Amino acid sequence: MINTITDNYAQAIAELEGDAFEAEVSARLASVILGFQQVPASPHGDGGLDGLSHDGQHGYCCYGPKHDAFKRNAERVKAIVGKFTDDLHGVRDPR
């Protein structure tokens, strides 16, 4: 079976984690969404919001957990859902 460019990209991004994953996803979104703007995590934190588009009407959360942080896929899924839930609560109810 021949790998397509899409297959190769999917494999490459699947190998990323943490800040490297977030940076790649943000770069990809910026390349396909007109007006996408990354929200920097510093100096005051991004409040769980990693990007904006459509004049601030669309928000994006990105999370690339460490690959070795979970022994089972179910644990990884639970952590990702928990992180997104926390991030969305932070966006809705800023501290």
PDB file of N, CA and C in Angstrom:
ATOM      1  N   MET A   1       0.846  -1.189   0.000  1.00  0.00           N
ATOM      2  CA  MET A   1       0.000   0.000   0.000  1.00  0.00           C
ATOM      3  C   MET A   1       0.888   1.249   0.000  1.00  0.00           C
ATOM      4  N   ILE A   2       0.546   2.196  -0.818  1.00  0.00           N
ATOM      5  CA  ILE A   2       1.298   3.435  -0.934  1.00  0.00           C
ATOM      6  C   ILE A   2       0.721   4.466   0.034  1.00  0.00           C
ATOM      7  N   ASN A   3       1.599   5.079   0.805  1.00  0.00           N
ATOM      8  CA  ASN A   3       1.160   6.144   1.712  1.00  0.00           C
ATOM      9  C   ASN A   3       0.961   7.429   0.929  1.00  0.00           C
ATOM     10  N   THR A   4      -0.141   8.094   1.199  1.00  0.00           N
ATOM     11  CA  THR A   4      -0.397   9.384   0.574  1.00  0.00           C
ATOM     12  C   THR A   4       0.232  10.486   1.423  1.00  0.00           C
ATOM     13  N   ILE A   5       0.246  11.680   0.902  1.00  0.00           N
ATOM     14  CA  ILE A   5       0.735  12.830   1.667  1.00  0.00           C
ATOM     15  C   ILE A   5      -0.086  12.987   2.943  1.00  0.00           C
ATOM     16  N   THR A   6      -1.387  12.767   2.836  1.00  0.00           N
ATOM     17  CA  THR A   6      -2.264  12.868   4.006  1.00  0.00           C
ATOM     18  C   THR A   6      -1.906  11.818   5.044  1.00  0.00           C
ATOM     19  N   ASP A   7      -1.654  10.589   4.603  1.00  0.00           N
ATOM     20  CA  ASP A   7      -1.248   9.529   5.527  1.00  0.00           C
ATOM     21  C   ASP A   7       0.058   9.899   6.234  1.00  0.00           C
ATOM     22  N   ASN A   8       1.006  10.398   5.473  1.00  0.00           N
ATOM     23  CA  ASN A   8       2.306  10.775   6.047  1.00  0.00           C
ATOM     24  C   ASN A   8       2.146  11.911   7.055  1.00  0.00           C
ATOM     25  N   TYR A   9       1.309  12.882   6.721  1.00  0.00           N
ATOM     26  CA  TYR A   9       1.075  13.998   7.651  1.00  0.00           C
ATOM     27  C   TYR A   9       0.390  13.505   8.922  1.00  0.00           C
ATOM     28  N   ALA A  10      -0.616  12.655   8.778  1.00  0.00           N
ATOM     29  CA  ALA A  10      -1.322  12.111   9.940  1.00  0.00           C
ATOM     30  C   ALA A  10      -0.356  11.356  10.840  1.00  0.00           C
ATOM     31  N   GLN A  11       0.543  10.570  10.266  1.00  0.00           N
ATOM     32  CA  GLN A  11       1.528   9.833  11.061  1.00  0.00           C
ATOM     33  C   GLN A  11       2.475  10.797  11.766  1.00  0.00           C
ATOM     34  N   ALA A  12       2.930  11.810  11.054  1.00  0.00           N
ATOM     35  CA  ALA A  12       3.865  12.772  11.642  1.00  0.00           C
ATOM     36  C   ALA A  12       3.228  13.529  12.804  1.00  0.00           C
ATOM     37  N   ILE A  13       1.991  13.969  12.637  1.00  0.00           N
ATOM     38  CA  ILE A  13       1.336  14.723  13.710  1.00  0.00           C
ATOM     39  C   ILE A  13       0.985  13.814  14.892  1.00  0.00           C
ATOM     40  N   ALA A  14       0.717  12.545  14.617  1.00  0.00           N
ATOM     41  CA  ALA A  14       0.415  11.597  15.688  1.00  0.00           C
ATOM     42  C   ALA A  14       1.623  11.365  16.586  1.00  0.00           C
ATOM     43  N   GLU A  15       2.805  11.599  16.080  1.00  0.00           N
ATOM     44  CA  GLU A  15       4.024  11.408  16.862  1.00  0.00           C
ATOM     45  C   GLU A  15       4.357  12.612  17.741  1.00  0.00           C
ATOM     46  N   LEU A  16       3.681  13.733  17.520  1.00  0.00           N
ATOM     47  CA  LEU A  16       3.946  14.940  18.302  1.00  0.00           C
ATOM     48  C   LEU A  16       3.189  14.901  19.626  1.00  0.00           C
ATOM     49  N   GLU A  17       3.673  15.684  20.584  1.00  0.00           N
ATOM     50  CA  GLU A  17       2.995  15.798  21.870  1.00  0.00           C
ATOM     51  C   GLU A  17       3.261  17.178  22.450  1.00  0.00           C
ATOM     52  N   GLY A  18       2.451  17.559  23.421  1.00  0.00           N
ATOM     53  CA  GLY A  18       2.653  18.815  24.133  1.00  0.00           C
ATOM     54  C   GLY A  18       2.644  20.033  23.234  1.00  0.00           C
ATOM     55  N   ASP A  19       3.605  20.931  23.514  1.00  0.00           N
ATOM     56  CA  ASP A  19       3.683  22.204  22.787  1.00  0.00           C
ATOM     57  C   ASP A  19       3.930  22.007  21.291  1.00  0.00           C
ATOM     58  N   ALA A  20       4.694  20.967  20.929  1.00  0.00           N
ATOM     59  CA  ALA A  20       4.965  20.719  19.509  1.00  0.00           C
ATOM     60  C   ALA A  20       3.678  20.356  18.770  1.00  0.00           C
ATOM     61  N   PHE A  21       2.810  19.560  19.408  1.00  0.00           N
ATOM     62  CA  PHE A  21       1.529  19.207  18.809  1.00  0.00           C
ATOM     63  C   PHE A  21       0.660  20.456  18.656  1.00  0.00           C
ATOM     64  N   GLU A  22       0.589  21.264  19.715  1.00  0.00           N
ATOM     65  CA  GLU A  22      -0.220  22.489  19.669  1.00  0.00           C
ATOM     66  C   GLU A  22       0.279  23.440  18.585  1.00  0.00           C
ATOM     67  N   ALA A  23       1.589  23.583  18.464  1.00  0.00           N
ATOM     68  CA  ALA A  23       2.151  24.482  17.449  1.00  0.00           C
ATOM     69  C   ALA A  23       1.811  23.996  16.042  1.00  0.00           C
ATOM     70  N   GLU A  24       1.892  22.695  15.802  1.00  0.00           N
ATOM     71  CA  GLU A  24       1.581  22.161  14.470  1.00  0.00           C
ATOM     72  C   GLU A  24       0.102  22.306  14.144  1.00  0.00           C
ATOM     73  N   VAL A  25      -0.759  22.002  15.113  1.00  0.00           N
ATOM     74  CA  VAL A  25      -2.199  22.139  14.871  1.00  0.00           C
ATOM     75  C   VAL A  25      -2.548  23.599  14.610  1.00  0.00           C
ATOM     76  N   SER A  26      -1.974  24.506  15.380  1.00  0.00           N
ATOM     77  CA  SER A  26      -2.231  25.935  15.169  1.00  0.00           C
ATOM     78  C   SER A  26      -1.749  26.381  13.794  1.00  0.00           C
ATOM     79  N   ALA A  27      -0.574  25.915  13.383  1.00  0.00           N
ATOM     80  CA  ALA A  27      -0.051  26.273  12.054  1.00  0.00           C
ATOM     81  C   ALA A  27      -0.964  25.734  10.960  1.00  0.00           C
ATOM     82  N   ARG A  28      -1.451  24.514  11.139  1.00  0.00           N
ATOM     83  CA  ARG A  28      -2.356  23.919  10.144  1.00  0.00           C
ATOM     84  C   ARG A  28      -3.662  24.694  10.062  1.00  0.00           C
ATOM     85  N   LEU A  29      -4.234  25.026  11.229  1.00  0.00           N
ATOM     86  CA  LEU A  29      -5.478  25.802  11.238  1.00  0.00           C
ATOM     87  C   LEU A  29      -5.277  27.155  10.573  1.00  0.00           C
ATOM     88  N   ALA A  30      -4.130  27.784  10.848  1.00  0.00           N
ATOM     89  CA  ALA A  30      -3.846  29.089  10.240  1.00  0.00           C
ATOM     90  C   ALA A  30      -3.728  28.981   8.722  1.00  0.00           C
ATOM     91  N   SER A  31      -3.322  27.821   8.228  1.00  0.00           N
ATOM     92  CA  SER A  31      -3.168  27.655   6.779  1.00  0.00           C
ATOM     93  C   SER A  31      -4.490  27.379   6.073  1.00  0.00           C
ATOM     94  N   VAL A  32      -5.515  26.972   6.803  1.00  0.00           N
ATOM     95  CA  VAL A  32      -6.783  26.628   6.150  1.00  0.00           C
ATOM     96  C   VAL A  32      -7.982  27.464   6.604  1.00  0.00           C
ATOM     97  N   ILE A  33      -7.814  28.254   7.666  1.00  0.00           N
ATOM     98  CA  ILE A  33      -8.921  29.081   8.163  1.00  0.00           C
ATOM     99  C   ILE A  33      -8.510  30.539   8.058  1.00  0.00           C
ATOM    100  N   LEU A  34      -9.182  31.256   7.191  1.00  0.00           N
ATOM    101  CA  LEU A  34      -8.898  32.676   6.997  1.00  0.00           C
ATOM    102  C   LEU A  34      -9.130  33.428   8.299  1.00  0.00           C
ATOM    103  N   GLY A  35      -8.155  34.167   8.746  1.00  0.00           N
ATOM    104  CA  GLY A  35      -8.287  34.966   9.951  1.00  0.00           C
ATOM    105  C   GLY A  35      -8.029  34.211  11.241  1.00  0.00           C
ATOM    106  N   PHE A  36      -7.531  32.957  11.158  1.00  0.00           N
ATOM    107  CA  PHE A  36      -7.214  32.220  12.382  1.00  0.00           C
ATOM    108  C   PHE A  36      -6.112  32.948  13.131  1.00  0.00           C
ATOM    109  N   GLN A  37      -6.291  33.092  14.439  1.00  0.00           N
ATOM    110  CA  GLN A  37      -5.305  33.771  15.272  1.00  0.00           C
ATOM    111  C   GLN A  37      -5.006  32.900  16.481  1.00  0.00           C
ATOM    112  N   GLN A  38      -3.731  32.572  16.660  1.00  0.00           N
ATOM    113  CA  GLN A  38      -3.320  31.790  17.824  1.00  0.00           C
ATOM    114  C   GLN A  38      -3.355  32.675  19.061  1.00  0.00           C
ATOM    115  N   VAL A  39      -3.803  32.113  20.180  1.00  0.00           N
ATOM    116  CA  VAL A  39      -3.823  32.824  21.459  1.00  0.00           C
ATOM    117  C   VAL A  39      -2.583  32.381  22.235  1.00  0.00           C
ATOM    118  N   PRO A  40      -1.664  33.306  22.514  1.00  0.00           N
ATOM    119  CA  PRO A  40      -0.433  32.906  23.209  1.00  0.00           C
ATOM    120  C   PRO A  40      -0.694  32.530  24.670  1.00  0.00           C
ATOM    121  N   ALA A  41       0.033  31.531  25.146  1.00  0.00           N
ATOM    122  CA  ALA A  41      -0.114  31.074  26.529  1.00  0.00           C
ATOM    123  C   ALA A  41       0.594  31.994  27.513  1.00  0.00           C
ATOM    124  N   SER A  42       1.501  32.796  27.032  1.00  0.00           N
ATOM    125  CA  SER A  42       2.197  33.694  27.949  1.00  0.00           C
ATOM    126  C   SER A  42       2.020  35.129  27.473  1.00  0.00           C
ATOM    127  N   PRO A  43       2.071  36.107  28.295  1.00  0.00           N
ATOM    128  CA  PRO A  43       2.559  36.047  29.667  1.00  0.00           C
ATOM    129  C   PRO A  43       1.482  35.713  30.704  1.00  0.00           C
ATOM    130  N   HIS A  44       0.213  35.759  30.352  1.00  0.00           N
ATOM    131  CA  HIS A  44      -0.842  35.607  31.367  1.00  0.00           C
ATOM    132  C   HIS A  44      -1.685  34.353  31.206  1.00  0.00           C
ATOM    133  N   GLY A  45      -1.295  33.456  30.321  1.00  0.00           N
ATOM    134  CA  GLY A  45      -2.079  32.249  30.086  1.00  0.00           C
ATOM    135  C   GLY A  45      -3.133  32.481  29.027  1.00  0.00           C
ATOM    136  N   ASP A  46      -3.530  31.395  28.376  1.00  0.00           N
ATOM    137  CA  ASP A  46      -4.505  31.517  27.298  1.00  0.00           C
ATOM    138  C   ASP A  46      -5.927  31.225  27.758  1.00  0.00           C
ATOM    139  N   GLY A  47      -6.107  30.947  29.049  1.00  0.00           N
ATOM    140  CA  GLY A  47      -7.445  30.680  29.578  1.00  0.00           C
ATOM    141  C   GLY A  47      -8.093  29.451  28.970  1.00  0.00           C
ATOM    142  N   GLY A  48      -7.271  28.521  28.448  1.00  0.00           N
ATOM    143  CA  GLY A  48      -7.805  27.319  27.837  1.00  0.00           C
ATOM    144  C   GLY A  48      -8.184  27.489  26.382  1.00  0.00           C
ATOM    145  N   LEU A  49      -7.975  28.670  25.842  1.00  0.00           N
ATOM    146  CA  LEU A  49      -8.331  28.959  24.457  1.00  0.00           C
ATOM    147  C   LEU A  49      -7.046  29.113  23.651  1.00  0.00           C
ATOM    148  N   ASP A  50      -6.839  28.251  22.681  1.00  0.00           N
ATOM    149  CA  ASP A  50      -5.586  28.245  21.933  1.00  0.00           C
ATOM    150  C   ASP A  50      -5.647  28.986  20.608  1.00  0.00           C
ATOM    151  N   GLY A  51      -6.853  29.268  20.125  1.00  0.00           N
ATOM    152  CA  GLY A  51      -6.979  29.991  18.868  1.00  0.00           C
ATOM    153  C   GLY A  51      -8.376  30.557  18.695  1.00  0.00           C
ATOM    154  N   LEU A  52      -8.472  31.548  17.818  1.00  0.00           N
ATOM    155  CA  LEU A  52      -9.746  32.200  17.503  1.00  0.00           C
ATOM    156  C   LEU A  52      -9.852  32.392  15.992  1.00  0.00           C
ATOM    157  N   SER A  53     -11.077  32.432  15.510  1.00  0.00           N
ATOM    158  CA  SER A  53     -11.325  32.800  14.112  1.00  0.00           C
ATOM    159  C   SER A  53     -12.716  33.419  14.017  1.00  0.00           C
ATOM    160  N   HIS A  54     -13.071  33.803  12.818  1.00  0.00           N
ATOM    161  CA  HIS A  54     -14.386  34.382  12.539  1.00  0.00           C
ATOM    162  C   HIS A  54     -14.692  35.549  13.493  1.00  0.00           C
ATOM    163  N   ASP A  55     -13.750  36.495  13.550  1.00  0.00           N
ATOM    164  CA  ASP A  55     -13.899  37.690  14.386  1.00  0.00           C
ATOM    165  C   ASP A  55     -14.174  37.342  15.847  1.00  0.00           C
ATOM    166  N   GLY A  56     -13.492  36.305  16.339  1.00  0.00           N
ATOM    167  CA  GLY A  56     -13.630  35.925  17.736  1.00  0.00           C
ATOM    168  C   GLY A  56     -14.856  35.087  18.052  1.00  0.00           C
ATOM    169  N   GLN A  57     -15.613  34.694  17.034  1.00  0.00           N
ATOM    170  CA  GLN A  57     -16.831  33.916  17.253  1.00  0.00           C
ATOM    171  C   GLN A  57     -16.564  32.411  17.364  1.00  0.00           C
ATOM    172  N   HIS A  58     -15.421  31.942  16.858  1.00  0.00           N
ATOM    173  CA  HIS A  58     -15.059  30.527  16.931  1.00  0.00           C
ATOM    174  C   HIS A  58     -13.791  30.394  17.762  1.00  0.00           C
ATOM    175  N   GLY A  59     -13.814  29.497  18.726  1.00  0.00           N
ATOM    176  CA  GLY A  59     -12.652  29.260  19.567  1.00  0.00           C
ATOM    177  C   GLY A  59     -12.137  27.837  19.380  1.00  0.00           C
ATOM    178  N   TYR A  60     -10.844  27.652  19.608  1.00  0.00           N
ATOM    179  CA  TYR A  60     -10.203  26.353  19.401  1.00  0.00           C
ATOM    180  C   TYR A  60      -9.365  25.990  20.617  1.00  0.00           C
ATOM    181  N   CYS A  61      -9.506  24.752  21.063  1.00  0.00           N
ATOM    182  CA  CYS A  61      -8.704  24.206  22.153  1.00  0.00           C
ATOM    183  C   CYS A  61      -7.867  23.076  21.568  1.00  0.00           C
ATOM    184  N   CYS A  62      -6.634  22.993  21.979  1.00  0.00           N
ATOM    185  CA  CYS A  62      -5.728  21.984  21.449  1.00  0.00           C
ATOM    186  C   CYS A  62      -4.963  21.367  22.614  1.00  0.00           C
ATOM    187  N   TYR A  63      -4.834  20.037  22.595  1.00  0.00           N
ATOM    188  CA  TYR A  63      -4.139  19.347  23.677  1.00  0.00           C
ATOM    189  C   TYR A  63      -3.437  18.123  23.113  1.00  0.00           C
ATOM    190  N   GLY A  64      -2.135  18.061  23.293  1.00  0.00           N
ATOM    191  CA  GLY A  64      -1.350  16.912  22.842  1.00  0.00           C
ATOM    192  C   GLY A  64      -0.651  16.280  24.027  1.00  0.00           C
ATOM    193  N   PRO A  65      -1.321  15.344  24.711  1.00  0.00           N
ATOM    194  CA  PRO A  65      -0.722  14.747  25.908  1.00  0.00           C
ATOM    195  C   PRO A  65       0.550  13.955  25.586  1.00  0.00           C
ATOM    196  N   LYS A  66       1.392  13.795  26.580  1.00  0.00           N
ATOM    197  CA  LYS A  66       2.600  12.982  26.443  1.00  0.00           C
ATOM    198  C   LYS A  66       2.189  11.554  26.096  1.00  0.00           C
ATOM    199  N   HIS A  67       2.895  10.946  25.170  1.00  0.00           N
ATOM    200  CA  HIS A  67       2.539   9.603  24.714  1.00  0.00           C
ATOM    201  C   HIS A  67       2.657   8.554  25.809  1.00  0.00           C
ATOM    202  N   ASP A  68       3.626   8.692  26.666  1.00  0.00           N
ATOM    203  CA  ASP A  68       3.837   7.675  27.697  1.00  0.00           C
ATOM    204  C   ASP A  68       3.082   7.959  28.989  1.00  0.00           C
ATOM    205  N   ALA A  69       2.229   8.955  28.994  1.00  0.00           N
ATOM    206  CA  ALA A  69       1.512   9.330  30.215  1.00  0.00           C
ATOM    207  C   ALA A  69       0.381   8.353  30.550  1.00  0.00           C
ATOM    208  N   PHE A  70      -0.049   7.552  29.602  1.00  0.00           N
ATOM    209  CA  PHE A  70      -1.195   6.668  29.814  1.00  0.00           C
ATOM    210  C   PHE A  70      -0.865   5.264  29.318  1.00  0.00           C
ATOM    211  N   LYS A  71      -1.232   4.283  30.100  1.00  0.00           N
ATOM    212  CA  LYS A  71      -0.984   2.897  29.705  1.00  0.00           C
ATOM    213  C   LYS A  71      -2.069   2.375  28.757  1.00  0.00           C
ATOM    214  N   ARG A  72      -3.261   2.891  28.904  1.00  0.00           N
ATOM    215  CA  ARG A  72      -4.373   2.418  28.074  1.00  0.00           C
ATOM    216  C   ARG A  72      -4.999   3.586  27.325  1.00  0.00           C
ATOM    217  N   ASN A  73      -5.541   3.293  26.152  1.00  0.00           N
ATOM    218  CA  ASN A  73      -6.173   4.316  25.340  1.00  0.00           C
ATOM    219  C   ASN A  73      -7.354   4.952  26.068  1.00  0.00           C
ATOM    220  N   ALA A  74      -8.099   4.162  26.849  1.00  0.00           N
ATOM    221  CA  ALA A  74      -9.250   4.701  27.591  1.00  0.00           C
ATOM    222  C   ALA A  74      -8.810   5.787  28.564  1.00  0.00           C
ATOM    223  N   GLU A  75      -7.633   5.626  29.164  1.00  0.00           N
ATOM    224  CA  GLU A  75      -7.110   6.656  30.072  1.00  0.00           C
ATOM    225  C   GLU A  75      -6.776   7.932  29.299  1.00  0.00           C
ATOM    226  N   ARG A  76      -6.198   7.757  28.122  1.00  0.00           N
ATOM    227  CA  ARG A  76      -5.851   8.911  27.280  1.00  0.00           C
ATOM    228  C   ARG A  76      -7.122   9.662  26.870  1.00  0.00           C
ATOM    229  N   VAL A  77      -8.130   8.933  26.438  1.00  0.00           N
ATOM    230  CA  VAL A  77      -9.404   9.555  26.036  1.00  0.00           C
ATOM    231  C   VAL A  77     -10.008  10.308  27.212  1.00  0.00           C
ATOM    232  N   LYS A  78     -10.010   9.701  28.386  1.00  0.00           N
ATOM    233  CA  LYS A  78     -10.566  10.352  29.574  1.00  0.00           C
ATOM    234  C   LYS A  78      -9.808  11.644  29.901  1.00  0.00           C
ATOM    235  N   ALA A  79      -8.483  11.616  29.785  1.00  0.00           N
ATOM    236  CA  ALA A  79      -7.681  12.811  30.055  1.00  0.00           C
ATOM    237  C   ALA A  79      -7.958  13.913  29.035  1.00  0.00           C
ATOM    238  N   ILE A  80      -8.085  13.548  27.767  1.00  0.00           N
ATOM    239  CA  ILE A  80      -8.350  14.543  26.720  1.00  0.00           C
ATOM    240  C   ILE A  80      -9.722  15.176  26.921  1.00  0.00           C
ATOM    241  N   VAL A  81     -10.726  14.357  27.177  1.00  0.00           N
ATOM    242  CA  VAL A  81     -12.077  14.881  27.413  1.00  0.00           C
ATOM    243  C   VAL A  81     -12.075  15.773  28.651  1.00  0.00           C
ATOM    244  N   GLY A  82     -11.385  15.354  29.703  1.00  0.00           N
ATOM    245  CA  GLY A  82     -11.304  16.169  30.915  1.00  0.00           C
ATOM    246  C   GLY A  82     -10.622  17.502  30.671  1.00  0.00           C
ATOM    247  N   LYS A  83      -9.525  17.490  29.903  1.00  0.00           N
ATOM    248  CA  LYS A  83      -8.803  18.730  29.585  1.00  0.00           C
ATOM    249  C   LYS A  83      -9.687  19.671  28.778  1.00  0.00           C
ATOM    250  N   PHE A  84     -10.362  19.155  27.758  1.00  0.00           N
ATOM    251  CA  PHE A  84     -11.242  20.010  26.957  1.00  0.00           C
ATOM    252  C   PHE A  84     -12.403  20.544  27.791  1.00  0.00           C
ATOM    253  N   THR A  85     -12.952  19.725  28.649  1.00  0.00           N
ATOM    254  CA  THR A  85     -14.051  20.171  29.517  1.00  0.00           C
ATOM    255  C   THR A  85     -13.582  21.310  30.409  1.00  0.00           C
ATOM    256  N   ASP A  86     -12.420  21.140  31.028  1.00  0.00           N
ATOM    257  CA  ASP A  86     -11.865  22.195  31.882  1.00  0.00           C
ATOM    258  C   ASP A  86     -11.594  23.463  31.082  1.00  0.00           C
ATOM    259  N   ASP A  87     -11.007  23.301  29.885  1.00  0.00           N
ATOM    260  CA  ASP A  87     -10.716  24.469  29.044  1.00  0.00           C
ATOM    261  C   ASP A  87     -11.993  25.210  28.666  1.00  0.00           C
ATOM    262  N   LEU A  88     -13.024  24.472  28.279  1.00  0.00           N
ATOM    263  CA  LEU A  88     -14.280  25.119  27.880  1.00  0.00           C
ATOM    264  C   LEU A  88     -14.951  25.810  29.061  1.00  0.00           C
ATOM    265  N   HIS A  89     -14.861  25.214  30.242  1.00  0.00           N
ATOM    266  CA  HIS A  89     -15.390  25.892  31.430  1.00  0.00           C
ATOM    267  C   HIS A  89     -14.602  27.179  31.696  1.00  0.00           C
ATOM    268  N   GLY A  90     -13.292  27.129  31.476  1.00  0.00           N
ATOM    269  CA  GLY A  90     -12.470  28.315  31.665  1.00  0.00           C
ATOM    270  C   GLY A  90     -12.808  29.427  30.708  1.00  0.00           C
ATOM    271  N   VAL A  91     -13.159  29.066  29.483  1.00  0.00           N
ATOM    272  CA  VAL A  91     -13.552  30.060  28.479  1.00  0.00           C
ATOM    273  C   VAL A  91     -14.899  30.656  28.851  1.00  0.00           C
ATOM    274  N   ARG A  92     -15.816  29.797  29.276  1.00  0.00           N
ATOM    275  CA  ARG A  92     -17.163  30.255  29.616  1.00  0.00           C
ATOM    276  C   ARG A  92     -17.181  31.068  30.910  1.00  0.00           C
ATOM    277  N   ASP A  93     -16.420  30.629  31.905  1.00  0.00           N
ATOM    278  CA  ASP A  93     -16.397  31.267  33.217  1.00  0.00           C
ATOM    279  C   ASP A  93     -14.960  31.633  33.593  1.00  0.00           C
ATOM    280  N   PRO A  94     -14.400  32.693  32.995  1.00  0.00           N
ATOM    281  CA  PRO A  94     -13.008  33.041  33.277  1.00  0.00           C
ATOM    282  C   PRO A  94     -12.819  33.357  34.759  1.00  0.00           C
ATOM    283  N   ARG A  95     -11.640  33.018  35.234  1.00  0.00           N
ATOM    284  CA  ARG A  95     -11.333  33.235  36.661  1.00  0.00           C
ATOM    285  C   ARG A  95     -10.914  34.630  36.930  1.00  0.00           C
TER     286      ARG A  95
END
